[in-house]
């Protein structure tokens, strides 16, 4: 009788376990693709790009991308609940020139629920992007939905001629 009760208890415990698998890759970030004026892919071959932002309390800056070179695209983390992210793009060329642009990304945030067993997540809908124009010619939203899909081209960024 004890074995039967133990067996039934074991089956009940196993059946009580959740069947929801939390996503392992649960990073939510925006993907920027570098483009030339004719629409072809641009590459930061020798220039270095650093992207920074200020913390929510505006006390410190955080480096999101540090002295990157040789890339045609990059991803940048996005804030969970702020309605606007302000990013500082700093491009240094081989002649020692430094260019700084401020990029403002406006967005709507909404909670994404998988299961009570999973960490909370926020997805976003990009509504507007603007920039100063020291080295960035323009930036446009290509895909406005930001979620776990890391293959989306959220932004196309066009730098001014650098060579």
N, C-alpha and C. Protein backbone atom coordinates (compact mmCIF):
# COMPACT_ATOMS: atom_id res chain seq x y z
N UNK A 1 0.81 -1.19 0.00
CA UNK A 1 0.00 0.00 0.00
C UNK A 1 0.86 1.26 0.00
N UNK A 2 1.94 1.20 0.79
CA UNK A 2 2.85 2.34 0.84
C UNK A 2 3.48 2.61 -0.52
N UNK A 3 3.84 1.57 -1.23
CA UNK A 3 4.44 1.72 -2.55
C UNK A 3 3.46 2.34 -3.53
N UNK A 4 2.21 1.97 -3.43
CA UNK A 4 1.19 2.53 -4.32
C UNK A 4 1.01 4.01 -4.03
N UNK A 5 0.93 4.39 -2.77
CA UNK A 5 0.78 5.80 -2.40
C UNK A 5 2.01 6.58 -2.85
N UNK A 6 3.20 6.01 -2.66
CA UNK A 6 4.43 6.66 -3.11
C UNK A 6 4.46 6.84 -4.61
N UNK A 7 4.01 5.84 -5.34
CA UNK A 7 3.95 5.90 -6.80
C UNK A 7 2.96 6.99 -7.24
N UNK A 8 1.79 7.02 -6.65
CA UNK A 8 0.78 8.03 -6.99
C UNK A 8 1.30 9.42 -6.68
N UNK A 9 1.96 9.59 -5.54
CA UNK A 9 2.52 10.89 -5.16
C UNK A 9 3.58 11.33 -6.18
N UNK A 10 4.44 10.41 -6.60
CA UNK A 10 5.48 10.72 -7.58
C UNK A 10 4.86 11.15 -8.90
N UNK A 11 3.84 10.45 -9.34
CA UNK A 11 3.15 10.80 -10.59
C UNK A 11 2.52 12.18 -10.47
N UNK A 12 1.94 12.50 -9.35
CA UNK A 12 1.30 13.81 -9.15
C UNK A 12 2.34 14.92 -9.17
N UNK A 13 3.50 14.70 -8.56
CA UNK A 13 4.56 15.71 -8.53
C UNK A 13 5.09 15.94 -9.94
N UNK A 14 5.32 14.87 -10.67
CA UNK A 14 5.82 15.01 -12.05
C UNK A 14 4.77 15.71 -12.91
N UNK A 15 3.51 15.39 -12.73
CA UNK A 15 2.45 16.03 -13.50
C UNK A 15 2.26 17.48 -13.15
N UNK A 16 2.68 17.89 -11.95
CA UNK A 16 2.52 19.28 -11.54
C UNK A 16 3.59 20.19 -12.11
N UNK A 17 4.64 19.63 -12.64
CA UNK A 17 5.70 20.45 -13.22
C UNK A 17 5.18 21.16 -14.47
N UNK A 18 5.67 22.35 -14.67
CA UNK A 18 5.22 23.14 -15.80
C UNK A 18 5.81 22.59 -17.10
N UNK A 19 5.07 22.74 -18.16
CA UNK A 19 5.57 22.33 -19.47
C UNK A 19 5.99 23.54 -20.29
N UNK A 20 5.93 24.75 -19.70
CA UNK A 20 6.33 25.97 -20.40
C UNK A 20 7.85 26.08 -20.35
N UNK A 21 8.46 26.22 -21.49
CA UNK A 21 9.90 26.44 -21.55
C UNK A 21 10.15 27.92 -21.72
N UNK A 22 10.85 28.52 -20.77
CA UNK A 22 11.21 29.92 -20.88
C UNK A 22 12.27 30.07 -21.97
N UNK A 23 12.22 31.14 -22.74
CA UNK A 23 13.21 31.30 -23.80
C UNK A 23 14.61 31.47 -23.22
N UNK A 24 15.55 30.76 -23.78
CA UNK A 24 16.93 30.85 -23.31
C UNK A 24 17.53 32.16 -23.81
N UNK A 25 17.28 32.48 -25.06
CA UNK A 25 17.78 33.72 -25.65
C UNK A 25 16.70 34.79 -25.51
N UNK A 26 16.64 35.44 -24.37
CA UNK A 26 15.58 36.41 -24.13
C UNK A 26 16.10 37.84 -24.13
N UNK A 27 17.09 38.12 -24.96
CA UNK A 27 17.64 39.46 -25.09
C UNK A 27 16.75 40.27 -26.04
N UNK A 28 16.37 41.44 -25.60
CA UNK A 28 15.58 42.35 -26.44
C UNK A 28 16.46 43.54 -26.77
N UNK A 29 16.84 43.66 -28.03
CA UNK A 29 17.69 44.77 -28.44
C UNK A 29 17.36 45.18 -29.87
N UNK A 30 17.84 46.35 -30.24
CA UNK A 30 17.60 46.86 -31.60
C UNK A 30 18.83 46.58 -32.46
N UNK A 31 18.58 46.30 -33.73
CA UNK A 31 19.65 45.99 -34.68
C UNK A 31 19.76 47.15 -35.67
N UNK A 32 20.97 47.67 -35.81
CA UNK A 32 21.26 48.77 -36.72
C UNK A 32 22.07 48.21 -37.89
N UNK A 33 21.60 48.42 -39.10
CA UNK A 33 22.34 48.03 -40.30
C UNK A 33 22.90 49.28 -40.96
N UNK A 34 24.18 49.25 -41.30
CA UNK A 34 24.84 50.37 -41.95
C UNK A 34 24.57 50.31 -43.44
N UNK A 35 24.13 51.42 -44.00
CA UNK A 35 23.80 51.48 -45.42
C UNK A 35 24.49 52.66 -46.08
N UNK A 36 24.76 52.51 -47.37
CA UNK A 36 25.26 53.61 -48.19
C UNK A 36 24.07 54.30 -48.83
N UNK A 37 24.30 55.47 -49.42
CA UNK A 37 23.21 56.25 -50.03
C UNK A 37 22.47 55.46 -51.10
N UNK A 38 23.17 54.56 -51.81
CA UNK A 38 22.52 53.79 -52.87
C UNK A 38 21.78 52.55 -52.33
N UNK A 39 21.79 52.35 -51.01
CA UNK A 39 21.08 51.23 -50.40
C UNK A 39 21.93 50.00 -50.17
N UNK A 40 23.16 50.00 -50.68
CA UNK A 40 24.03 48.84 -50.45
C UNK A 40 24.58 48.87 -49.02
N UNK A 41 25.18 47.79 -48.62
CA UNK A 41 25.71 47.66 -47.27
C UNK A 41 26.97 48.51 -47.10
N UNK A 42 27.03 49.21 -45.99
CA UNK A 42 28.21 50.00 -45.63
C UNK A 42 28.99 49.22 -44.57
N UNK A 43 30.28 49.49 -44.47
CA UNK A 43 31.12 48.82 -43.48
C UNK A 43 32.01 49.84 -42.80
N UNK A 44 32.12 49.73 -41.50
CA UNK A 44 33.11 50.53 -40.77
C UNK A 44 34.43 49.79 -40.88
N UNK A 45 35.20 50.10 -41.91
CA UNK A 45 36.43 49.34 -42.16
C UNK A 45 37.57 49.78 -41.24
N UNK A 46 37.80 51.06 -41.11
CA UNK A 46 38.90 51.54 -40.27
C UNK A 46 38.43 52.48 -39.17
N UNK A 47 37.27 53.08 -39.33
CA UNK A 47 36.72 53.96 -38.30
C UNK A 47 36.25 53.13 -37.12
N UNK A 48 36.25 53.72 -35.93
CA UNK A 48 35.73 53.03 -34.76
C UNK A 48 34.48 53.73 -34.27
N UNK A 49 33.53 52.95 -33.81
CA UNK A 49 32.25 53.47 -33.34
C UNK A 49 32.03 53.07 -31.89
N UNK A 50 31.71 54.05 -31.08
CA UNK A 50 31.33 53.81 -29.69
C UNK A 50 29.94 54.39 -29.49
N UNK A 51 29.10 53.66 -28.77
CA UNK A 51 27.75 54.14 -28.47
C UNK A 51 27.58 54.15 -26.97
N UNK A 52 27.12 55.28 -26.45
CA UNK A 52 26.92 55.44 -25.02
C UNK A 52 25.51 55.95 -24.75
N UNK A 53 25.07 55.79 -23.52
CA UNK A 53 23.80 56.35 -23.07
C UNK A 53 23.95 56.72 -21.61
N UNK A 54 23.06 57.55 -21.12
CA UNK A 54 23.07 57.91 -19.71
C UNK A 54 22.14 56.98 -18.95
N UNK A 55 22.46 56.77 -17.68
CA UNK A 55 21.59 55.94 -16.84
C UNK A 55 20.29 56.69 -16.58
N UNK A 56 19.30 55.98 -16.09
CA UNK A 56 17.98 56.57 -15.85
C UNK A 56 18.06 57.78 -14.94
N UNK A 57 18.90 57.71 -13.91
CA UNK A 57 19.01 58.84 -12.99
C UNK A 57 19.94 59.92 -13.53
N UNK A 58 20.43 59.74 -14.75
CA UNK A 58 21.28 60.70 -15.46
C UNK A 58 22.62 60.95 -14.77
N UNK A 59 23.01 60.06 -13.86
CA UNK A 59 24.26 60.26 -13.13
C UNK A 59 25.48 59.75 -13.86
N UNK A 60 25.37 58.63 -14.53
CA UNK A 60 26.51 58.00 -15.18
C UNK A 60 26.18 57.70 -16.63
N UNK A 61 27.24 57.50 -17.41
CA UNK A 61 27.04 57.02 -18.77
C UNK A 61 27.42 55.55 -18.82
N UNK A 62 26.77 54.84 -19.72
CA UNK A 62 27.02 53.42 -19.91
C UNK A 62 27.42 53.22 -21.37
N UNK A 63 28.50 52.48 -21.58
CA UNK A 63 28.94 52.17 -22.93
C UNK A 63 28.21 50.93 -23.42
N UNK A 64 27.47 51.08 -24.51
CA UNK A 64 26.72 49.97 -25.09
C UNK A 64 27.49 49.26 -26.20
N UNK A 65 28.37 49.99 -26.86
CA UNK A 65 29.20 49.45 -27.93
C UNK A 65 30.54 50.17 -27.83
N UNK A 66 31.63 49.44 -27.75
CA UNK A 66 32.91 50.07 -27.45
C UNK A 66 33.91 49.90 -28.59
N UNK A 67 34.25 51.00 -29.23
CA UNK A 67 35.30 51.04 -30.26
C UNK A 67 35.21 49.91 -31.26
N UNK A 68 34.05 49.73 -31.81
CA UNK A 68 33.81 48.67 -32.78
C UNK A 68 34.27 49.09 -34.16
N UNK A 69 34.86 48.16 -34.89
CA UNK A 69 35.28 48.42 -36.26
C UNK A 69 35.06 47.15 -37.08
N UNK A 70 35.00 47.29 -38.40
CA UNK A 70 34.85 46.14 -39.28
C UNK A 70 33.47 45.52 -39.26
N UNK A 71 32.45 46.30 -38.95
CA UNK A 71 31.09 45.75 -38.86
C UNK A 71 30.18 46.36 -39.92
N UNK A 72 29.16 45.61 -40.29
CA UNK A 72 28.12 46.11 -41.20
C UNK A 72 26.81 46.30 -40.44
N UNK A 73 26.73 45.72 -39.24
CA UNK A 73 25.56 45.91 -38.39
C UNK A 73 25.98 45.69 -36.94
N UNK A 74 25.16 46.15 -36.03
CA UNK A 74 25.43 45.96 -34.61
C UNK A 74 24.11 46.02 -33.86
N UNK A 75 24.09 45.45 -32.67
CA UNK A 75 22.88 45.50 -31.86
C UNK A 75 23.13 46.36 -30.62
N UNK A 76 22.09 47.05 -30.20
CA UNK A 76 22.16 47.95 -29.05
C UNK A 76 21.00 47.62 -28.13
N UNK A 77 21.30 47.45 -26.86
CA UNK A 77 20.24 47.20 -25.87
C UNK A 77 19.28 48.36 -25.82
N UNK A 78 18.07 48.06 -25.41
CA UNK A 78 17.01 49.05 -25.35
C UNK A 78 16.46 49.06 -23.93
N UNK A 79 16.07 50.22 -23.43
CA UNK A 79 15.55 50.29 -22.07
C UNK A 79 14.20 49.59 -21.99
N UNK A 80 13.89 49.08 -20.81
CA UNK A 80 12.63 48.36 -20.63
C UNK A 80 11.42 49.29 -20.71
N UNK A 81 11.40 50.34 -19.90
CA UNK A 81 10.16 51.09 -19.72
C UNK A 81 10.25 52.57 -20.07
N UNK A 82 11.41 53.08 -20.41
CA UNK A 82 11.51 54.49 -20.76
C UNK A 82 10.84 54.74 -22.11
N UNK A 83 10.11 55.84 -22.26
CA UNK A 83 9.45 56.12 -23.55
C UNK A 83 10.43 56.57 -24.64
N UNK A 84 11.63 57.01 -24.22
CA UNK A 84 12.62 57.46 -25.19
C UNK A 84 14.02 57.05 -24.72
N UNK A 85 14.81 56.53 -25.63
CA UNK A 85 16.21 56.23 -25.36
C UNK A 85 17.05 57.27 -26.09
N UNK A 86 18.04 57.81 -25.40
CA UNK A 86 18.96 58.78 -25.99
C UNK A 86 20.33 58.13 -26.07
N UNK A 87 20.84 58.01 -27.29
CA UNK A 87 22.12 57.35 -27.54
C UNK A 87 23.11 58.35 -28.11
N UNK A 88 24.37 58.21 -27.70
CA UNK A 88 25.44 59.08 -28.19
C UNK A 88 26.37 58.24 -29.06
N UNK A 89 26.37 58.52 -30.35
CA UNK A 89 27.23 57.83 -31.31
C UNK A 89 28.52 58.64 -31.46
N UNK A 90 29.65 57.99 -31.21
CA UNK A 90 30.95 58.64 -31.31
C UNK A 90 31.77 57.87 -32.33
N UNK A 91 32.09 58.52 -33.44
CA UNK A 91 32.85 57.88 -34.51
C UNK A 91 34.21 58.55 -34.59
N UNK A 92 35.27 57.76 -34.54
CA UNK A 92 36.65 58.26 -34.66
C UNK A 92 37.25 57.72 -35.94
N UNK A 93 37.80 58.63 -36.77
CA UNK A 93 38.41 58.17 -38.02
C UNK A 93 39.93 58.05 -37.86
N UNK A 94 40.59 57.58 -38.90
CA UNK A 94 42.04 57.34 -38.83
C UNK A 94 42.85 58.63 -38.82
N UNK A 95 42.24 59.75 -39.16
CA UNK A 95 42.94 61.03 -39.14
C UNK A 95 42.88 61.69 -37.77
N UNK A 96 42.22 61.03 -36.82
CA UNK A 96 42.12 61.58 -35.47
C UNK A 96 40.90 62.44 -35.25
N UNK A 97 40.03 62.53 -36.25
CA UNK A 97 38.80 63.31 -36.09
C UNK A 97 37.78 62.51 -35.29
N UNK A 98 37.06 63.20 -34.43
CA UNK A 98 36.00 62.57 -33.64
C UNK A 98 34.69 63.29 -33.94
N UNK A 99 33.68 62.51 -34.29
CA UNK A 99 32.35 63.05 -34.60
C UNK A 99 31.36 62.49 -33.58
N UNK A 100 30.48 63.35 -33.09
CA UNK A 100 29.48 62.92 -32.12
C UNK A 100 28.08 63.28 -32.61
N UNK A 101 27.20 62.30 -32.56
CA UNK A 101 25.80 62.53 -32.89
C UNK A 101 24.94 61.98 -31.77
N UNK A 102 23.81 62.62 -31.57
CA UNK A 102 22.83 62.16 -30.59
C UNK A 102 21.66 61.56 -31.34
N UNK A 103 21.31 60.32 -31.01
CA UNK A 103 20.19 59.62 -31.63
C UNK A 103 19.11 59.44 -30.56
N UNK A 104 17.89 59.85 -30.90
CA UNK A 104 16.76 59.69 -29.98
C UNK A 104 15.79 58.68 -30.58
N UNK A 105 15.49 57.65 -29.79
CA UNK A 105 14.58 56.60 -30.23
C UNK A 105 13.34 56.65 -29.34
N UNK A 106 12.21 56.98 -29.95
CA UNK A 106 10.95 57.00 -29.21
C UNK A 106 10.25 55.66 -29.44
N UNK A 107 9.60 55.15 -28.37
CA UNK A 107 9.01 53.82 -28.46
C UNK A 107 7.87 53.67 -27.48
N UNK A 108 7.03 52.70 -27.77
CA UNK A 108 5.98 52.26 -26.85
C UNK A 108 6.43 50.92 -26.28
N UNK A 109 6.26 50.74 -24.99
CA UNK A 109 6.70 49.53 -24.31
C UNK A 109 5.49 48.72 -23.87
N UNK A 110 5.58 47.42 -23.98
CA UNK A 110 4.51 46.59 -23.45
C UNK A 110 5.10 45.30 -22.90
N UNK A 111 4.50 44.85 -21.80
CA UNK A 111 4.98 43.64 -21.15
C UNK A 111 4.67 42.42 -22.01
N UNK A 112 5.60 41.50 -21.98
CA UNK A 112 5.41 40.24 -22.68
C UNK A 112 5.38 39.14 -21.63
N UNK A 113 4.33 38.37 -21.61
CA UNK A 113 4.15 37.33 -20.59
C UNK A 113 4.30 35.96 -21.21
N UNK A 114 5.22 35.17 -20.69
CA UNK A 114 5.39 33.78 -21.12
C UNK A 114 4.75 32.84 -20.11
N UNK A 115 5.17 32.99 -18.86
CA UNK A 115 4.73 32.13 -17.78
C UNK A 115 5.17 32.76 -16.46
N UNK A 116 4.51 32.42 -15.38
CA UNK A 116 4.94 32.93 -14.08
C UNK A 116 6.32 32.39 -13.72
N UNK A 117 6.73 31.32 -14.37
CA UNK A 117 8.05 30.74 -14.12
C UNK A 117 9.17 31.48 -14.85
N UNK A 118 8.84 32.33 -15.81
CA UNK A 118 9.84 33.01 -16.63
C UNK A 118 10.07 34.42 -16.11
N UNK A 119 11.25 34.94 -16.43
CA UNK A 119 11.56 36.32 -16.07
C UNK A 119 10.64 37.27 -16.84
N UNK A 120 10.34 38.42 -16.25
CA UNK A 120 9.51 39.40 -16.98
C UNK A 120 10.28 39.94 -18.19
N UNK A 121 9.55 40.25 -19.23
CA UNK A 121 10.16 40.79 -20.44
C UNK A 121 9.30 41.93 -20.97
N UNK A 122 9.94 42.83 -21.68
CA UNK A 122 9.24 43.93 -22.35
C UNK A 122 9.56 43.87 -23.83
N UNK A 123 8.53 44.02 -24.65
CA UNK A 123 8.69 44.19 -26.08
C UNK A 123 8.39 45.65 -26.38
N UNK A 124 8.72 46.10 -27.60
CA UNK A 124 8.62 47.52 -27.91
C UNK A 124 8.11 47.72 -29.33
N UNK A 125 7.50 48.88 -29.53
CA UNK A 125 7.09 49.33 -30.85
C UNK A 125 7.77 50.67 -31.08
N UNK A 126 8.67 50.73 -32.06
CA UNK A 126 9.40 51.96 -32.37
C UNK A 126 8.47 52.93 -33.07
N UNK A 127 8.40 54.16 -32.58
CA UNK A 127 7.48 55.14 -33.15
C UNK A 127 8.19 56.27 -33.89
N UNK A 128 9.43 56.59 -33.48
CA UNK A 128 10.14 57.68 -34.14
C UNK A 128 11.63 57.58 -33.82
N UNK A 129 12.46 58.04 -34.73
CA UNK A 129 13.89 58.14 -34.51
C UNK A 129 14.37 59.46 -35.11
N UNK A 130 15.25 60.15 -34.39
CA UNK A 130 15.82 61.39 -34.90
C UNK A 130 17.30 61.44 -34.51
N UNK A 131 18.05 62.28 -35.21
CA UNK A 131 19.48 62.37 -34.97
C UNK A 131 19.99 63.76 -35.27
N UNK A 132 21.11 64.11 -34.65
CA UNK A 132 21.86 65.27 -35.11
C UNK A 132 22.63 64.81 -36.34
N UNK A 133 23.27 65.73 -37.05
CA UNK A 133 23.83 65.36 -38.35
C UNK A 133 25.31 65.75 -38.50
N UNK A 134 26.13 65.37 -37.52
CA UNK A 134 27.56 65.64 -37.63
C UNK A 134 28.24 64.61 -38.52
N UNK A 135 27.98 63.33 -38.29
CA UNK A 135 28.51 62.26 -39.13
C UNK A 135 27.39 61.36 -39.65
N UNK A 136 26.26 61.36 -38.98
CA UNK A 136 25.11 60.57 -39.45
C UNK A 136 24.30 61.43 -40.41
N UNK A 137 24.13 60.94 -41.61
CA UNK A 137 23.31 61.64 -42.59
C UNK A 137 21.84 61.45 -42.26
N UNK A 138 21.45 60.19 -42.05
CA UNK A 138 20.05 59.92 -41.69
C UNK A 138 19.95 58.54 -41.04
N UNK A 139 18.84 58.33 -40.39
CA UNK A 139 18.54 57.04 -39.79
C UNK A 139 17.04 56.82 -39.93
N UNK A 140 16.65 55.64 -40.36
CA UNK A 140 15.23 55.34 -40.58
C UNK A 140 14.86 54.03 -39.90
N UNK A 141 13.60 53.95 -39.52
CA UNK A 141 13.07 52.71 -38.94
C UNK A 141 12.73 51.76 -40.08
N UNK A 142 13.31 50.58 -40.04
CA UNK A 142 13.04 49.57 -41.05
C UNK A 142 12.00 48.56 -40.56
N UNK A 143 12.09 48.18 -39.31
CA UNK A 143 11.15 47.24 -38.69
C UNK A 143 10.82 47.78 -37.31
N UNK A 144 9.57 48.07 -37.03
CA UNK A 144 9.21 48.78 -35.80
C UNK A 144 8.98 47.87 -34.60
N UNK A 145 8.83 46.58 -34.80
CA UNK A 145 8.58 45.66 -33.68
C UNK A 145 9.90 45.14 -33.13
N UNK A 146 10.11 45.33 -31.82
CA UNK A 146 11.32 44.86 -31.16
C UNK A 146 10.92 43.78 -30.17
N UNK A 147 11.42 42.56 -30.40
CA UNK A 147 11.11 41.43 -29.53
C UNK A 147 12.34 40.53 -29.48
N UNK A 148 12.16 39.25 -29.23
CA UNK A 148 13.29 38.32 -29.14
C UNK A 148 13.96 38.05 -30.48
N UNK A 149 13.32 38.36 -31.58
CA UNK A 149 13.85 38.05 -32.90
C UNK A 149 15.09 38.91 -33.19
N UNK A 150 16.26 38.32 -33.19
CA UNK A 150 17.50 39.07 -33.39
C UNK A 150 17.91 39.13 -34.86
N UNK A 151 17.02 38.79 -35.77
CA UNK A 151 17.33 38.86 -37.20
C UNK A 151 16.69 40.08 -37.88
N UNK A 152 15.91 40.84 -37.14
CA UNK A 152 15.23 42.01 -37.71
C UNK A 152 16.20 43.16 -37.92
N UNK A 153 16.01 43.88 -39.00
CA UNK A 153 16.75 45.12 -39.26
C UNK A 153 15.87 46.25 -38.76
N UNK A 154 16.05 46.65 -37.51
CA UNK A 154 15.20 47.69 -36.93
C UNK A 154 15.50 49.07 -37.51
N UNK A 155 16.78 49.36 -37.69
CA UNK A 155 17.18 50.67 -38.21
C UNK A 155 18.15 50.52 -39.37
N UNK A 156 18.04 51.43 -40.32
CA UNK A 156 19.06 51.61 -41.35
C UNK A 156 19.70 52.95 -41.05
N UNK A 157 21.01 52.91 -40.87
CA UNK A 157 21.73 54.14 -40.53
C UNK A 157 22.67 54.48 -41.68
N UNK A 158 22.61 55.72 -42.11
CA UNK A 158 23.41 56.21 -43.24
C UNK A 158 24.40 57.23 -42.72
N UNK A 159 25.68 56.89 -42.76
CA UNK A 159 26.72 57.84 -42.35
C UNK A 159 27.08 58.72 -43.55
N UNK A 160 27.56 59.92 -43.26
CA UNK A 160 28.05 60.79 -44.31
C UNK A 160 29.33 60.20 -44.87
N UNK A 161 29.76 60.67 -46.05
CA UNK A 161 30.99 60.18 -46.66
C UNK A 161 32.15 60.43 -45.70
N UNK A 162 32.98 59.39 -45.51
CA UNK A 162 34.06 59.48 -44.52
C UNK A 162 35.45 59.39 -45.13
N UNK A 163 35.56 59.12 -46.42
CA UNK A 163 36.90 58.86 -46.98
C UNK A 163 37.23 59.86 -48.04
